[in-house]
Structure formats: structure tokens, C-alpha cells
ModelCIF file with pLDDT and N, C-alpha, C, O atoms, coordinates in Angstrom:
data_MODEL
#
_entry.id   MODEL 
#
_entity.id                         1 
_entity.type                       polymer 
_entity.pdbx_number_of_molecules   1 
#
_entity_poly.entity_id                      1 
_entity_poly.type                           'polypeptide(L)' 
_entity_poly.nstd_linkage                   no 
_entity_poly.nstd_monomer                   no 
_entity_poly.pdbx_seq_one_letter_code       RVFGGNIGYCVRPVVWGNGLGTIQLHFLLMEAKKIGIQT 
_entity_poly.pdbx_seq_one_letter_code_can   RVFGGNIGYCVRPVVWGNGLGTIQLHFLLMEAKKIGIQT 
_entity_poly.pdbx_strand_id                 A 
#
loop_
_entity_poly_seq.entity_id 
_entity_poly_seq.num 
_entity_poly_seq.mon_id 
_entity_poly_seq.hetero 
1 1  ARG n 
1 2  VAL n 
1 3  PHE n 
1 4  GLY n 
1 5  GLY n 
1 6  ASN n 
1 7  ILE n 
1 8  GLY n 
1 9  TYR n 
1 10 CYS n 
1 11 VAL n 
1 12 ARG n 
1 13 PRO n 
1 14 VAL n 
1 15 VAL n 
1 16 TRP n 
1 17 GLY n 
1 18 ASN n 
1 19 GLY n 
1 20 LEU n 
1 21 GLY n 
1 22 THR n 
1 23 ILE n 
1 24 GLN n 
1 25 LEU n 
1 26 HIS n 
1 27 PHE n 
1 28 LEU n 
1 29 LEU n 
1 30 MET n 
1 31 GLU n 
1 32 ALA n 
1 33 LYS n 
1 34 LYS n 
1 35 ILE n 
1 36 GLY n 
1 37 ILE n 
1 38 GLN n 
1 39 THR n 
#
_struct_asym.id          A 
_struct_asym.entity_id   1 
#
loop_
_ma_qa_metric.id 
_ma_qa_metric.mode 
_ma_qa_metric.name 
_ma_qa_metric.software_group_id 
_ma_qa_metric.type 
1 global pLDDT . pLDDT 
2 local  pLDDT . pLDDT 
#
_ma_qa_metric_global.metric_id      1 
_ma_qa_metric_global.metric_value   95.38 
_ma_qa_metric_global.model_id       1 
_ma_qa_metric_global.ordinal_id     1 
#
loop_
_ma_qa_metric_local.label_asym_id 
_ma_qa_metric_local.label_comp_id 
_ma_qa_metric_local.label_seq_id 
_ma_qa_metric_local.metric_id 
_ma_qa_metric_local.metric_value 
_ma_qa_metric_local.model_id 
_ma_qa_metric_local.ordinal_id 
A ARG 1  2 96.00 1 1  
A VAL 2  2 95.00 1 2  
A PHE 3  2 94.00 1 3  
A GLY 4  2 93.00 1 4  
A GLY 5  2 97.00 1 5  
A ASN 6  2 98.00 1 6  
A ILE 7  2 97.00 1 7  
A GLY 8  2 94.00 1 8  
A TYR 9  2 94.00 1 9  
A CYS 10 2 91.00 1 10 
A VAL 11 2 92.00 1 11 
A ARG 12 2 91.00 1 12 
A PRO 13 2 89.00 1 13 
A VAL 14 2 91.00 1 14 
A VAL 15 2 93.00 1 15 
A TRP 16 2 91.00 1 16 
A GLY 17 2 91.00 1 17 
A ASN 18 2 93.00 1 18 
A GLY 19 2 95.00 1 19 
A LEU 20 2 97.00 1 20 
A GLY 21 2 96.00 1 21 
A THR 22 2 97.00 1 22 
A ILE 23 2 97.00 1 23 
A GLN 24 2 98.00 1 24 
A LEU 25 2 98.00 1 25 
A HIS 26 2 97.00 1 26 
A PHE 27 2 98.00 1 27 
A LEU 28 2 98.00 1 28 
A LEU 29 2 98.00 1 29 
A MET 30 2 97.00 1 30 
A GLU 31 2 97.00 1 31 
A ALA 32 2 98.00 1 32 
A LYS 33 2 97.00 1 33 
A LYS 34 2 97.00 1 34 
A ILE 35 2 96.00 1 35 
A GLY 36 2 97.00 1 36 
A ILE 37 2 98.00 1 37 
A GLN 38 2 97.00 1 38 
A THR 39 2 97.00 1 39 
#
loop_
_atom_site.group_PDB 
_atom_site.id 
_atom_site.type_symbol 
_atom_site.label_atom_id 
_atom_site.label_alt_id 
_atom_site.label_comp_id 
_atom_site.label_asym_id 
_atom_site.label_entity_id 
_atom_site.label_seq_id 
_atom_site.pdbx_PDB_ins_code 
_atom_site.Cartn_x 
_atom_site.Cartn_y 
_atom_site.Cartn_z 
_atom_site.occupancy 
_atom_site.B_iso_or_equiv 
_atom_site.pdbx_formal_charge 
_atom_site.auth_seq_id 
_atom_site.auth_comp_id 
_atom_site.auth_asym_id 
_atom_site.auth_atom_id 
_atom_site.pdbx_PDB_model_num 
ATOM 1   N N  . ARG A 1 1  ? 14.317 4.596  5.815   1.00 96.00 ? 1  ARG A N  1 
ATOM 2   C CA . ARG A 1 1  ? 13.487 5.559  6.055   1.00 96.00 ? 1  ARG A CA 1 
ATOM 3   C C  . ARG A 1 1  ? 13.768 6.402  4.899   1.00 96.00 ? 1  ARG A C  1 
ATOM 4   O O  . ARG A 1 1  ? 13.415 7.581  4.888   1.00 96.00 ? 1  ARG A O  1 
ATOM 5   N N  . VAL A 1 2  ? 14.582 5.687  3.614   1.00 95.00 ? 2  VAL A N  1 
ATOM 6   C CA . VAL A 1 2  ? 14.655 6.716  2.228   1.00 95.00 ? 2  VAL A CA 1 
ATOM 7   C C  . VAL A 1 2  ? 15.027 6.433  1.271   1.00 95.00 ? 2  VAL A C  1 
ATOM 8   O O  . VAL A 1 2  ? 15.849 6.975  0.532   1.00 95.00 ? 2  VAL A O  1 
ATOM 9   N N  . PHE A 1 3  ? 13.918 4.706  1.093   1.00 94.00 ? 3  PHE A N  1 
ATOM 10  C CA . PHE A 1 3  ? 14.310 3.639  0.169   1.00 94.00 ? 3  PHE A CA 1 
ATOM 11  C C  . PHE A 1 3  ? 12.858 2.995  0.340   1.00 94.00 ? 3  PHE A C  1 
ATOM 12  O O  . PHE A 1 3  ? 13.094 2.218  1.266   1.00 94.00 ? 3  PHE A O  1 
ATOM 13  N N  . GLY A 1 4  ? 11.873 2.870  0.119   1.00 93.00 ? 4  GLY A N  1 
ATOM 14  C CA . GLY A 1 4  ? 10.714 1.988  0.739   1.00 93.00 ? 4  GLY A CA 1 
ATOM 15  C C  . GLY A 1 4  ? 10.164 1.695  1.582   1.00 93.00 ? 4  GLY A C  1 
ATOM 16  O O  . GLY A 1 4  ? 9.435  0.703  1.622   1.00 93.00 ? 4  GLY A O  1 
ATOM 17  N N  . GLY A 1 5  ? 10.473 2.918  2.996   1.00 97.00 ? 5  GLY A N  1 
ATOM 18  C CA . GLY A 1 5  ? 9.323  3.557  4.023   1.00 97.00 ? 5  GLY A CA 1 
ATOM 19  C C  . GLY A 1 5  ? 8.746  2.194  4.421   1.00 97.00 ? 5  GLY A C  1 
ATOM 20  O O  . GLY A 1 5  ? 9.364  1.202  4.034   1.00 97.00 ? 5  GLY A O  1 
ATOM 21  N N  . ASN A 1 6  ? 7.476  2.005  5.253   1.00 98.00 ? 6  ASN A N  1 
ATOM 22  C CA . ASN A 1 6  ? 6.821  1.431  6.161   1.00 98.00 ? 6  ASN A CA 1 
ATOM 23  C C  . ASN A 1 6  ? 5.741  0.584  5.308   1.00 98.00 ? 6  ASN A C  1 
ATOM 24  O O  . ASN A 1 6  ? 5.001  -0.253 5.825   1.00 98.00 ? 6  ASN A O  1 
ATOM 25  N N  . ILE A 1 7  ? 5.746  0.914  3.918   1.00 97.00 ? 7  ILE A N  1 
ATOM 26  C CA . ILE A 1 7  ? 4.901  -0.009 2.740   1.00 97.00 ? 7  ILE A CA 1 
ATOM 27  C C  . ILE A 1 7  ? 5.471  0.247  1.344   1.00 97.00 ? 7  ILE A C  1 
ATOM 28  O O  . ILE A 1 7  ? 6.250  1.068  0.859   1.00 97.00 ? 7  ILE A O  1 
ATOM 29  N N  . GLY A 1 8  ? 4.875  -0.628 0.968   1.00 94.00 ? 8  GLY A N  1 
ATOM 30  C CA . GLY A 1 8  ? 5.588  -0.597 -0.458  1.00 94.00 ? 8  GLY A CA 1 
ATOM 31  C C  . GLY A 1 8  ? 3.911  -1.543 -0.945  1.00 94.00 ? 8  GLY A C  1 
ATOM 32  O O  . GLY A 1 8  ? 2.975  -2.073 -0.347  1.00 94.00 ? 8  GLY A O  1 
ATOM 33  N N  . TYR A 1 9  ? 4.347  -1.291 -2.407  1.00 94.00 ? 9  TYR A N  1 
ATOM 34  C CA . TYR A 1 9  ? 3.092  -2.048 -2.817  1.00 94.00 ? 9  TYR A CA 1 
ATOM 35  C C  . TYR A 1 9  ? 3.249  -1.588 -4.523  1.00 94.00 ? 9  TYR A C  1 
ATOM 36  O O  . TYR A 1 9  ? 3.614  -0.546 -5.068  1.00 94.00 ? 9  TYR A O  1 
ATOM 37  N N  . CYS A 1 10 ? 2.564  -3.519 -5.266  1.00 91.00 ? 10 CYS A N  1 
ATOM 38  C CA . CYS A 1 10 ? 2.683  -3.015 -6.826  1.00 91.00 ? 10 CYS A CA 1 
ATOM 39  C C  . CYS A 1 10 ? 1.412  -3.541 -7.234  1.00 91.00 ? 10 CYS A C  1 
ATOM 40  O O  . CYS A 1 10 ? 0.759  -4.314 -6.534  1.00 91.00 ? 10 CYS A O  1 
ATOM 41  N N  . VAL A 1 11 ? 1.088  -3.159 -8.272  1.00 92.00 ? 11 VAL A N  1 
ATOM 42  C CA . VAL A 1 11 ? -0.171 -3.782 -8.840  1.00 92.00 ? 11 VAL A CA 1 
ATOM 43  C C  . VAL A 1 11 ? 0.229  -4.696 -10.283 1.00 92.00 ? 11 VAL A C  1 
ATOM 44  O O  . VAL A 1 11 ? 0.949  -4.339 -11.215 1.00 92.00 ? 11 VAL A O  1 
ATOM 45  N N  . ARG A 1 12 ? -0.329 -5.673 -10.146 1.00 91.00 ? 12 ARG A N  1 
ATOM 46  C CA . ARG A 1 12 ? 0.236  -6.528 -11.876 1.00 91.00 ? 12 ARG A CA 1 
ATOM 47  C C  . ARG A 1 12 ? 0.058  -5.615 -12.966 1.00 91.00 ? 12 ARG A C  1 
ATOM 48  O O  . ARG A 1 12 ? -0.748 -4.700 -12.796 1.00 91.00 ? 12 ARG A O  1 
ATOM 49  N N  . PRO A 1 13 ? 0.952  -5.743 -14.560 1.00 89.00 ? 13 PRO A N  1 
ATOM 50  C CA . PRO A 1 13 ? 1.095  -5.225 -15.380 1.00 89.00 ? 13 PRO A CA 1 
ATOM 51  C C  . PRO A 1 13 ? -0.657 -5.090 -16.173 1.00 89.00 ? 13 PRO A C  1 
ATOM 52  O O  . PRO A 1 13 ? -1.198 -4.112 -16.690 1.00 89.00 ? 13 PRO A O  1 
ATOM 53  N N  . VAL A 1 14 ? -0.982 -6.008 -16.046 1.00 91.00 ? 14 VAL A N  1 
ATOM 54  C CA . VAL A 1 14 ? -2.118 -5.891 -16.585 1.00 91.00 ? 14 VAL A CA 1 
ATOM 55  C C  . VAL A 1 14 ? -2.952 -6.106 -16.642 1.00 91.00 ? 14 VAL A C  1 
ATOM 56  O O  . VAL A 1 14 ? -3.594 -6.891 -17.339 1.00 91.00 ? 14 VAL A O  1 
ATOM 57  N N  . VAL A 1 15 ? -3.328 -4.949 -15.348 1.00 93.00 ? 15 VAL A N  1 
ATOM 58  C CA . VAL A 1 15 ? -4.287 -4.632 -14.301 1.00 93.00 ? 15 VAL A CA 1 
ATOM 59  C C  . VAL A 1 15 ? -4.228 -2.773 -14.378 1.00 93.00 ? 15 VAL A C  1 
ATOM 60  O O  . VAL A 1 15 ? -5.196 -2.124 -13.981 1.00 93.00 ? 15 VAL A O  1 
ATOM 61  N N  . TRP A 1 16 ? -3.066 -2.138 -14.895 1.00 91.00 ? 16 TRP A N  1 
ATOM 62  C CA . TRP A 1 16 ? -2.416 -1.053 -14.422 1.00 91.00 ? 16 TRP A CA 1 
ATOM 63  C C  . TRP A 1 16 ? -3.635 0.043  -14.828 1.00 91.00 ? 16 TRP A C  1 
ATOM 64  O O  . TRP A 1 16 ? -4.297 -0.377 -15.777 1.00 91.00 ? 16 TRP A O  1 
ATOM 65  N N  . GLY A 1 17 ? -4.073 1.344  -14.323 1.00 91.00 ? 17 GLY A N  1 
ATOM 66  C CA . GLY A 1 17 ? -4.267 2.623  -14.690 1.00 91.00 ? 17 GLY A CA 1 
ATOM 67  C C  . GLY A 1 17 ? -6.220 1.552  -14.566 1.00 91.00 ? 17 GLY A C  1 
ATOM 68  O O  . GLY A 1 17 ? -6.777 1.488  -15.662 1.00 91.00 ? 17 GLY A O  1 
ATOM 69  N N  . ASN A 1 18 ? -7.009 0.873  -13.366 1.00 93.00 ? 18 ASN A N  1 
ATOM 70  C CA . ASN A 1 18 ? -8.271 0.350  -12.757 1.00 93.00 ? 18 ASN A CA 1 
ATOM 71  C C  . ASN A 1 18 ? -8.239 0.700  -11.354 1.00 93.00 ? 18 ASN A C  1 
ATOM 72  O O  . ASN A 1 18 ? -8.980 0.174  -10.524 1.00 93.00 ? 18 ASN A O  1 
ATOM 73  N N  . GLY A 1 19 ? -6.958 2.026  -10.960 1.00 95.00 ? 19 GLY A N  1 
ATOM 74  C CA . GLY A 1 19 ? -7.779 2.339  -9.646  1.00 95.00 ? 19 GLY A CA 1 
ATOM 75  C C  . GLY A 1 19 ? -7.242 1.857  -8.620  1.00 95.00 ? 19 GLY A C  1 
ATOM 76  O O  . GLY A 1 19 ? -7.271 2.426  -7.530  1.00 95.00 ? 19 GLY A O  1 
ATOM 77  N N  . LEU A 1 20 ? -6.343 0.075  -8.965  1.00 97.00 ? 20 LEU A N  1 
ATOM 78  C CA . LEU A 1 20 ? -6.344 -1.138 -7.461  1.00 97.00 ? 20 LEU A CA 1 
ATOM 79  C C  . LEU A 1 20 ? -5.137 -0.709 -6.552  1.00 97.00 ? 20 LEU A C  1 
ATOM 80  O O  . LEU A 1 20 ? -4.810 -1.114 -5.437  1.00 97.00 ? 20 LEU A O  1 
ATOM 81  N N  . GLY A 1 21 ? -4.622 0.162  -7.312  1.00 96.00 ? 21 GLY A N  1 
ATOM 82  C CA . GLY A 1 21 ? -3.572 0.711  -6.054  1.00 96.00 ? 21 GLY A CA 1 
ATOM 83  C C  . GLY A 1 21 ? -3.918 1.289  -5.445  1.00 96.00 ? 21 GLY A C  1 
ATOM 84  O O  . GLY A 1 21 ? -3.658 0.947  -4.291  1.00 96.00 ? 21 GLY A O  1 
ATOM 85  N N  . THR A 1 22 ? -4.632 2.406  -5.556  1.00 97.00 ? 22 THR A N  1 
ATOM 86  C CA . THR A 1 22 ? -5.419 3.395  -4.518  1.00 97.00 ? 22 THR A CA 1 
ATOM 87  C C  . THR A 1 22 ? -6.267 2.111  -3.509  1.00 97.00 ? 22 THR A C  1 
ATOM 88  O O  . THR A 1 22 ? -6.155 2.239  -2.290  1.00 97.00 ? 22 THR A O  1 
ATOM 89  N N  . ILE A 1 23 ? -7.016 1.018  -4.001  1.00 97.00 ? 23 ILE A N  1 
ATOM 90  C CA . ILE A 1 23 ? -7.630 0.107  -2.880  1.00 97.00 ? 23 ILE A CA 1 
ATOM 91  C C  . ILE A 1 23 ? -7.216 -0.264 -2.497  1.00 97.00 ? 23 ILE A C  1 
ATOM 92  O O  . ILE A 1 23 ? -7.640 -0.511 -1.368  1.00 97.00 ? 23 ILE A O  1 
ATOM 93  N N  . GLN A 1 24 ? -5.112 -1.106 -3.077  1.00 98.00 ? 24 GLN A N  1 
ATOM 94  C CA . GLN A 1 24 ? -4.658 -1.986 -1.884  1.00 98.00 ? 24 GLN A CA 1 
ATOM 95  C C  . GLN A 1 24 ? -4.185 -1.280 -1.459  1.00 98.00 ? 24 GLN A C  1 
ATOM 96  O O  . GLN A 1 24 ? -4.118 -1.597 -0.271  1.00 98.00 ? 24 GLN A O  1 
ATOM 97  N N  . LEU A 1 25 ? -3.587 -0.116 -1.651  1.00 98.00 ? 25 LEU A N  1 
ATOM 98  C CA . LEU A 1 25 ? -3.028 1.206  -0.902  1.00 98.00 ? 25 LEU A CA 1 
ATOM 99  C C  . LEU A 1 25 ? -3.793 0.782  0.758   1.00 98.00 ? 25 LEU A C  1 
ATOM 100 O O  . LEU A 1 25 ? -3.585 -0.135 1.552   1.00 98.00 ? 25 LEU A O  1 
ATOM 101 N N  . HIS A 1 26 ? -4.700 1.919  0.752   1.00 97.00 ? 26 HIS A N  1 
ATOM 102 C CA . HIS A 1 26 ? -6.330 1.910  1.705   1.00 97.00 ? 26 HIS A CA 1 
ATOM 103 C C  . HIS A 1 26 ? -5.995 0.825  2.827   1.00 97.00 ? 26 HIS A C  1 
ATOM 104 O O  . HIS A 1 26 ? -5.603 0.909  3.991   1.00 97.00 ? 26 HIS A O  1 
ATOM 105 N N  . PHE A 1 27 ? -6.469 -0.719 1.575   1.00 98.00 ? 27 PHE A N  1 
ATOM 106 C CA . PHE A 1 27 ? -6.041 -1.483 2.777   1.00 98.00 ? 27 PHE A CA 1 
ATOM 107 C C  . PHE A 1 27 ? -4.987 -2.064 3.109   1.00 98.00 ? 27 PHE A C  1 
ATOM 108 O O  . PHE A 1 27 ? -4.940 -3.213 2.669   1.00 98.00 ? 27 PHE A O  1 
ATOM 109 N N  . LEU A 1 28 ? -4.440 -1.870 3.483   1.00 98.00 ? 28 LEU A N  1 
ATOM 110 C CA . LEU A 1 28 ? -3.095 -2.232 3.346   1.00 98.00 ? 28 LEU A CA 1 
ATOM 111 C C  . LEU A 1 28 ? -2.746 -0.932 4.941   1.00 98.00 ? 28 LEU A C  1 
ATOM 112 O O  . LEU A 1 28 ? -2.651 -1.074 6.160   1.00 98.00 ? 28 LEU A O  1 
ATOM 113 N N  . LEU A 1 29 ? -2.658 0.304  3.913   1.00 98.00 ? 29 LEU A N  1 
ATOM 114 C CA . LEU A 1 29 ? -2.866 1.302  5.461   1.00 98.00 ? 29 LEU A CA 1 
ATOM 115 C C  . LEU A 1 29 ? -3.704 0.561  7.140   1.00 98.00 ? 29 LEU A C  1 
ATOM 116 O O  . LEU A 1 29 ? -3.353 0.387  8.307   1.00 98.00 ? 29 LEU A O  1 
ATOM 117 N N  . MET A 1 30 ? -4.397 0.430  6.667   1.00 97.00 ? 30 MET A N  1 
ATOM 118 C CA . MET A 1 30 ? -5.142 -0.742 7.688   1.00 97.00 ? 30 MET A CA 1 
ATOM 119 C C  . MET A 1 30 ? -4.927 -1.287 8.171   1.00 97.00 ? 30 MET A C  1 
ATOM 120 O O  . MET A 1 30 ? -5.399 -1.206 9.305   1.00 97.00 ? 30 MET A O  1 
ATOM 121 N N  . GLU A 1 31 ? -4.061 -2.350 7.888   1.00 97.00 ? 31 GLU A N  1 
ATOM 122 C CA . GLU A 1 31 ? -3.456 -3.259 8.422   1.00 97.00 ? 31 GLU A CA 1 
ATOM 123 C C  . GLU A 1 31 ? -1.917 -2.838 8.789   1.00 97.00 ? 31 GLU A C  1 
ATOM 124 O O  . GLU A 1 31 ? -1.399 -3.348 9.783   1.00 97.00 ? 31 GLU A O  1 
ATOM 125 N N  . ALA A 1 32 ? -1.341 -2.101 8.155   1.00 98.00 ? 32 ALA A N  1 
ATOM 126 C CA . ALA A 1 32 ? -0.772 -1.292 9.518   1.00 98.00 ? 32 ALA A CA 1 
ATOM 127 C C  . ALA A 1 32 ? -0.791 -0.802 10.357  1.00 98.00 ? 32 ALA A C  1 
ATOM 128 O O  . ALA A 1 32 ? 0.050  -0.914 11.249  1.00 98.00 ? 32 ALA A O  1 
ATOM 129 N N  . LYS A 1 33 ? -2.128 0.192  10.372  1.00 97.00 ? 33 LYS A N  1 
ATOM 130 C CA . LYS A 1 33 ? -2.738 0.443  11.970  1.00 97.00 ? 33 LYS A CA 1 
ATOM 131 C C  . LYS A 1 33 ? -3.010 -0.556 12.553  1.00 97.00 ? 33 LYS A C  1 
ATOM 132 O O  . LYS A 1 33 ? -3.709 -0.012 13.408  1.00 97.00 ? 33 LYS A O  1 
ATOM 133 N N  . LYS A 1 34 ? -3.052 -1.910 12.892  1.00 97.00 ? 34 LYS A N  1 
ATOM 134 C CA . LYS A 1 34 ? -3.693 -2.658 12.831  1.00 97.00 ? 34 LYS A CA 1 
ATOM 135 C C  . LYS A 1 34 ? -2.289 -3.711 13.872  1.00 97.00 ? 34 LYS A C  1 
ATOM 136 O O  . LYS A 1 34 ? -2.521 -4.422 14.849  1.00 97.00 ? 34 LYS A O  1 
ATOM 137 N N  . ILE A 1 35 ? -0.735 -3.419 13.132  1.00 96.00 ? 35 ILE A N  1 
ATOM 138 C CA . ILE A 1 35 ? 0.420  -3.866 13.756  1.00 96.00 ? 35 ILE A CA 1 
ATOM 139 C C  . ILE A 1 35 ? 0.524  -2.457 14.718  1.00 96.00 ? 35 ILE A C  1 
ATOM 140 O O  . ILE A 1 35 ? 1.025  -2.522 15.841  1.00 96.00 ? 35 ILE A O  1 
ATOM 141 N N  . GLY A 1 36 ? 0.112  -1.456 14.279  1.00 97.00 ? 36 GLY A N  1 
ATOM 142 C CA . GLY A 1 36 ? 0.631  -0.462 15.269  1.00 97.00 ? 36 GLY A CA 1 
ATOM 143 C C  . GLY A 1 36 ? 1.346  0.468  14.817  1.00 97.00 ? 36 GLY A C  1 
ATOM 144 O O  . GLY A 1 36 ? 2.195  0.911  15.591  1.00 97.00 ? 36 GLY A O  1 
ATOM 145 N N  . ILE A 1 37 ? 1.281  0.871  13.888  1.00 98.00 ? 37 ILE A N  1 
ATOM 146 C CA . ILE A 1 37 ? 2.390  1.689  12.610  1.00 98.00 ? 37 ILE A CA 1 
ATOM 147 C C  . ILE A 1 37 ? 1.329  2.961  13.088  1.00 98.00 ? 37 ILE A C  1 
ATOM 148 O O  . ILE A 1 37 ? 0.208  2.494  13.293  1.00 98.00 ? 37 ILE A O  1 
ATOM 149 N N  . GLN A 1 38 ? 1.386  4.279  13.293  1.00 97.00 ? 38 GLN A N  1 
ATOM 150 C CA . GLN A 1 38 ? 1.238  5.451  14.043  1.00 97.00 ? 38 GLN A CA 1 
ATOM 151 C C  . GLN A 1 38 ? 1.260  6.194  12.922  1.00 97.00 ? 38 GLN A C  1 
ATOM 152 O O  . GLN A 1 38 ? 0.049  6.368  12.787  1.00 97.00 ? 38 GLN A O  1 
ATOM 153 N N  . THR A 1 39 ? 1.919  6.933  11.742  1.00 97.00 ? 39 THR A N  1 
ATOM 154 C CA . THR A 1 39 ? 2.508  7.482  10.785  1.00 97.00 ? 39 THR A CA 1 
ATOM 155 C C  . THR A 1 39 ? 3.401  6.212  9.374   1.00 97.00 ? 39 THR A C  1 
ATOM 156 O O  . THR A 1 39 ? 3.997  6.685  8.407   1.00 97.00 ? 39 THR A O  1 
#
């Protein structure tokens, strides 16, 4: 609840700064909803 939360993510360093973290988190949030996580 105070460290980690429901979703953790990382993007490999060679592609940092290219918007992939934002896209990846969006995909992960859709998967979390399928699992039944509401918030």
C-alpha cells in the first residue's frame, strides 16, 4: 500500500525518453481492469 502498489513497471534504459512508459502503463491498466482491480 505504501511501496509498490498494484502496478509496477520499468522500461529498459536504451529506449528511455521515447514515450514507451506511458504506453506500457496504459496497457497494464487495461489488464488490471480485466483482473478486477477497480482502483
